[in-house]
Amino acid sequence: MITLTRLDGSQFVLNAELIRTVEQTPDTTVRLTSGEAYIVLESMDEVVRRSVEYGQLLRGLLRLT
């Protein structure tokens, strides 16, 4: 799960495994596999970085079990 910020400043938590695409045109739009889309304050690079870190965390936890 990653924390992102809506344009109004409110934060929400998103399951990064459901992200299909991230676009920056100029606002950052995160599209999910369900078809939902969120416009967020974070840059495209930041969303990708957080998603990669989340995936690395998951893989690390899976190795411990």
N, C-alpha and C. Protein backbone atom coordinates (compact mmCIF):
# COMPACT_ATOMS: atom_id res chain seq x y z
N MET A 1 0.84 -1.17 0.00
CA MET A 1 0.00 0.00 0.00
C MET A 1 0.89 1.24 0.00
N ILE A 2 0.48 2.24 -0.77
CA ILE A 2 1.22 3.50 -0.81
C ILE A 2 0.26 4.64 -0.48
N THR A 3 0.79 5.67 0.15
CA THR A 3 0.01 6.85 0.49
C THR A 3 0.19 7.90 -0.60
N LEU A 4 -0.93 8.42 -1.10
CA LEU A 4 -0.90 9.45 -2.13
C LEU A 4 -1.78 10.62 -1.68
N THR A 5 -1.65 11.75 -2.39
CA THR A 5 -2.36 12.97 -2.02
C THR A 5 -3.23 13.45 -3.17
N ARG A 6 -4.52 13.61 -2.90
CA ARG A 6 -5.44 14.18 -3.90
C ARG A 6 -5.12 15.66 -4.10
N LEU A 7 -5.68 16.24 -5.14
CA LEU A 7 -5.42 17.65 -5.43
C LEU A 7 -5.92 18.57 -4.32
N ASP A 8 -6.94 18.13 -3.56
CA ASP A 8 -7.45 18.96 -2.46
C ASP A 8 -6.62 18.83 -1.19
N GLY A 9 -5.55 18.04 -1.24
CA GLY A 9 -4.65 17.88 -0.11
C GLY A 9 -4.96 16.70 0.79
N SER A 10 -6.09 16.04 0.58
CA SER A 10 -6.42 14.88 1.41
C SER A 10 -5.61 13.67 0.95
N GLN A 11 -5.21 12.87 1.91
CA GLN A 11 -4.40 11.69 1.59
C GLN A 11 -5.26 10.43 1.58
N PHE A 12 -4.82 9.46 0.82
CA PHE A 12 -5.48 8.15 0.78
C PHE A 12 -4.42 7.09 0.54
N VAL A 13 -4.78 5.86 0.86
CA VAL A 13 -3.86 4.74 0.70
C VAL A 13 -4.35 3.88 -0.47
N LEU A 14 -3.44 3.54 -1.35
CA LEU A 14 -3.77 2.81 -2.56
C LEU A 14 -2.97 1.51 -2.62
N ASN A 15 -3.62 0.44 -3.01
CA ASN A 15 -2.93 -0.82 -3.21
C ASN A 15 -2.13 -0.72 -4.51
N ALA A 16 -0.82 -0.61 -4.39
CA ALA A 16 0.05 -0.39 -5.55
C ALA A 16 0.00 -1.55 -6.53
N GLU A 17 -0.42 -2.71 -6.09
CA GLU A 17 -0.49 -3.87 -7.00
C GLU A 17 -1.62 -3.71 -8.01
N LEU A 18 -2.52 -2.77 -7.79
CA LEU A 18 -3.65 -2.56 -8.70
C LEU A 18 -3.39 -1.48 -9.75
N ILE A 19 -2.20 -0.86 -9.71
CA ILE A 19 -1.88 0.20 -10.67
C ILE A 19 -1.62 -0.39 -12.04
N ARG A 20 -2.32 0.15 -13.03
CA ARG A 20 -2.12 -0.27 -14.42
C ARG A 20 -1.17 0.71 -15.12
N THR A 21 -1.46 2.02 -15.00
CA THR A 21 -0.59 3.03 -15.62
C THR A 21 -0.51 4.26 -14.73
N VAL A 22 0.58 5.01 -14.93
CA VAL A 22 0.76 6.32 -14.28
C VAL A 22 1.17 7.28 -15.39
N GLU A 23 0.43 8.39 -15.52
CA GLU A 23 0.71 9.38 -16.55
C GLU A 23 0.88 10.75 -15.91
N GLN A 24 1.69 11.59 -16.55
CA GLN A 24 1.86 12.96 -16.07
C GLN A 24 1.59 13.89 -17.24
N THR A 25 0.36 14.47 -17.29
CA THR A 25 -0.05 15.25 -18.47
C THR A 25 -0.89 16.47 -18.13
N PRO A 26 -0.58 17.51 -17.50
CA PRO A 26 0.55 17.71 -16.62
C PRO A 26 0.32 17.13 -15.23
N ASP A 27 -0.96 16.96 -14.83
CA ASP A 27 -1.22 16.35 -13.52
C ASP A 27 -0.93 14.86 -13.58
N THR A 28 -0.57 14.29 -12.45
CA THR A 28 -0.27 12.87 -12.40
C THR A 28 -1.58 12.10 -12.24
N THR A 29 -1.85 11.21 -13.17
CA THR A 29 -3.05 10.38 -13.15
C THR A 29 -2.64 8.93 -12.97
N VAL A 30 -3.21 8.30 -11.94
CA VAL A 30 -2.96 6.89 -11.65
C VAL A 30 -4.20 6.12 -12.06
N ARG A 31 -4.06 5.19 -13.00
CA ARG A 31 -5.17 4.36 -13.45
C ARG A 31 -4.99 2.95 -12.91
N LEU A 32 -6.09 2.41 -12.41
CA LEU A 32 -6.06 1.07 -11.81
C LEU A 32 -6.57 0.03 -12.78
N THR A 33 -6.33 -1.22 -12.46
CA THR A 33 -6.81 -2.32 -13.29
C THR A 33 -8.33 -2.36 -13.36
N SER A 34 -9.00 -1.76 -12.38
CA SER A 34 -10.47 -1.73 -12.36
C SER A 34 -11.03 -0.65 -13.28
N GLY A 35 -10.16 0.23 -13.79
CA GLY A 35 -10.61 1.34 -14.63
C GLY A 35 -10.72 2.66 -13.88
N GLU A 36 -10.68 2.60 -12.54
CA GLU A 36 -10.73 3.83 -11.76
C GLU A 36 -9.47 4.65 -12.02
N ALA A 37 -9.59 5.98 -11.88
CA ALA A 37 -8.45 6.86 -12.06
C ALA A 37 -8.41 7.87 -10.93
N TYR A 38 -7.20 8.19 -10.48
CA TYR A 38 -7.00 9.18 -9.43
C TYR A 38 -5.99 10.20 -9.92
N ILE A 39 -6.28 11.47 -9.70
CA ILE A 39 -5.33 12.54 -9.99
C ILE A 39 -4.68 12.91 -8.67
N VAL A 40 -3.35 12.89 -8.63
CA VAL A 40 -2.63 13.08 -7.38
C VAL A 40 -1.57 14.18 -7.52
N LEU A 41 -1.15 14.70 -6.35
CA LEU A 41 -0.13 15.75 -6.33
C LEU A 41 1.27 15.22 -6.58
N GLU A 42 1.53 13.98 -6.22
CA GLU A 42 2.86 13.40 -6.39
C GLU A 42 3.21 13.32 -7.88
N SER A 43 4.50 13.43 -8.16
CA SER A 43 4.96 13.29 -9.55
C SER A 43 4.86 11.82 -9.98
N MET A 44 4.91 11.61 -11.28
CA MET A 44 4.89 10.25 -11.81
C MET A 44 6.08 9.46 -11.25
N ASP A 45 7.25 10.08 -11.21
CA ASP A 45 8.44 9.40 -10.70
C ASP A 45 8.27 9.01 -9.23
N GLU A 46 7.61 9.87 -8.45
CA GLU A 46 7.41 9.57 -7.03
C GLU A 46 6.44 8.41 -6.85
N VAL A 47 5.37 8.36 -7.64
CA VAL A 47 4.41 7.24 -7.56
C VAL A 47 5.13 5.94 -7.91
N VAL A 48 5.95 5.97 -8.95
CA VAL A 48 6.69 4.78 -9.35
C VAL A 48 7.66 4.37 -8.24
N ARG A 49 8.38 5.34 -7.67
CA ARG A 49 9.34 5.03 -6.60
C ARG A 49 8.64 4.36 -5.42
N ARG A 50 7.52 4.92 -5.00
CA ARG A 50 6.79 4.34 -3.86
C ARG A 50 6.27 2.95 -4.19
N SER A 51 5.82 2.77 -5.42
CA SER A 51 5.31 1.45 -5.83
C SER A 51 6.41 0.41 -5.84
N VAL A 52 7.58 0.79 -6.33
CA VAL A 52 8.72 -0.13 -6.37
C VAL A 52 9.14 -0.48 -4.94
N GLU A 53 9.21 0.52 -4.06
CA GLU A 53 9.58 0.25 -2.66
C GLU A 53 8.58 -0.69 -2.00
N TYR A 54 7.30 -0.50 -2.30
CA TYR A 54 6.26 -1.37 -1.75
C TYR A 54 6.47 -2.81 -2.25
N GLY A 55 6.75 -2.96 -3.54
CA GLY A 55 6.99 -4.29 -4.09
C GLY A 55 8.21 -4.95 -3.47
N GLN A 56 9.27 -4.17 -3.25
CA GLN A 56 10.46 -4.71 -2.62
C GLN A 56 10.18 -5.14 -1.19
N LEU A 57 9.39 -4.36 -0.49
CA LEU A 57 9.00 -4.70 0.88
C LEU A 57 8.22 -6.01 0.89
N LEU A 58 7.28 -6.16 -0.02
CA LEU A 58 6.49 -7.40 -0.10
C LEU A 58 7.38 -8.61 -0.36
N ARG A 59 8.27 -8.47 -1.33
CA ARG A 59 9.16 -9.59 -1.65
C ARG A 59 10.04 -9.95 -0.46
N GLY A 60 10.50 -8.94 0.26
CA GLY A 60 11.31 -9.19 1.45
C GLY A 60 10.53 -9.91 2.53
N LEU A 61 9.27 -9.52 2.70
CA LEU A 61 8.43 -10.17 3.72
C LEU A 61 8.12 -11.60 3.32
N LEU A 62 7.92 -11.84 2.04
CA LEU A 62 7.60 -13.20 1.58
C LEU A 62 8.77 -14.15 1.80
N ARG A 63 9.98 -13.63 1.71
CA ARG A 63 11.16 -14.48 1.94
C ARG A 63 11.29 -14.89 3.39
N LEU A 64 10.73 -14.08 4.29
CA LEU A 64 10.82 -14.39 5.72
C LEU A 64 9.88 -15.50 6.14
N THR A 65 8.84 -15.76 5.35
CA THR A 65 7.86 -16.79 5.74
C THR A 65 8.25 -18.15 5.27
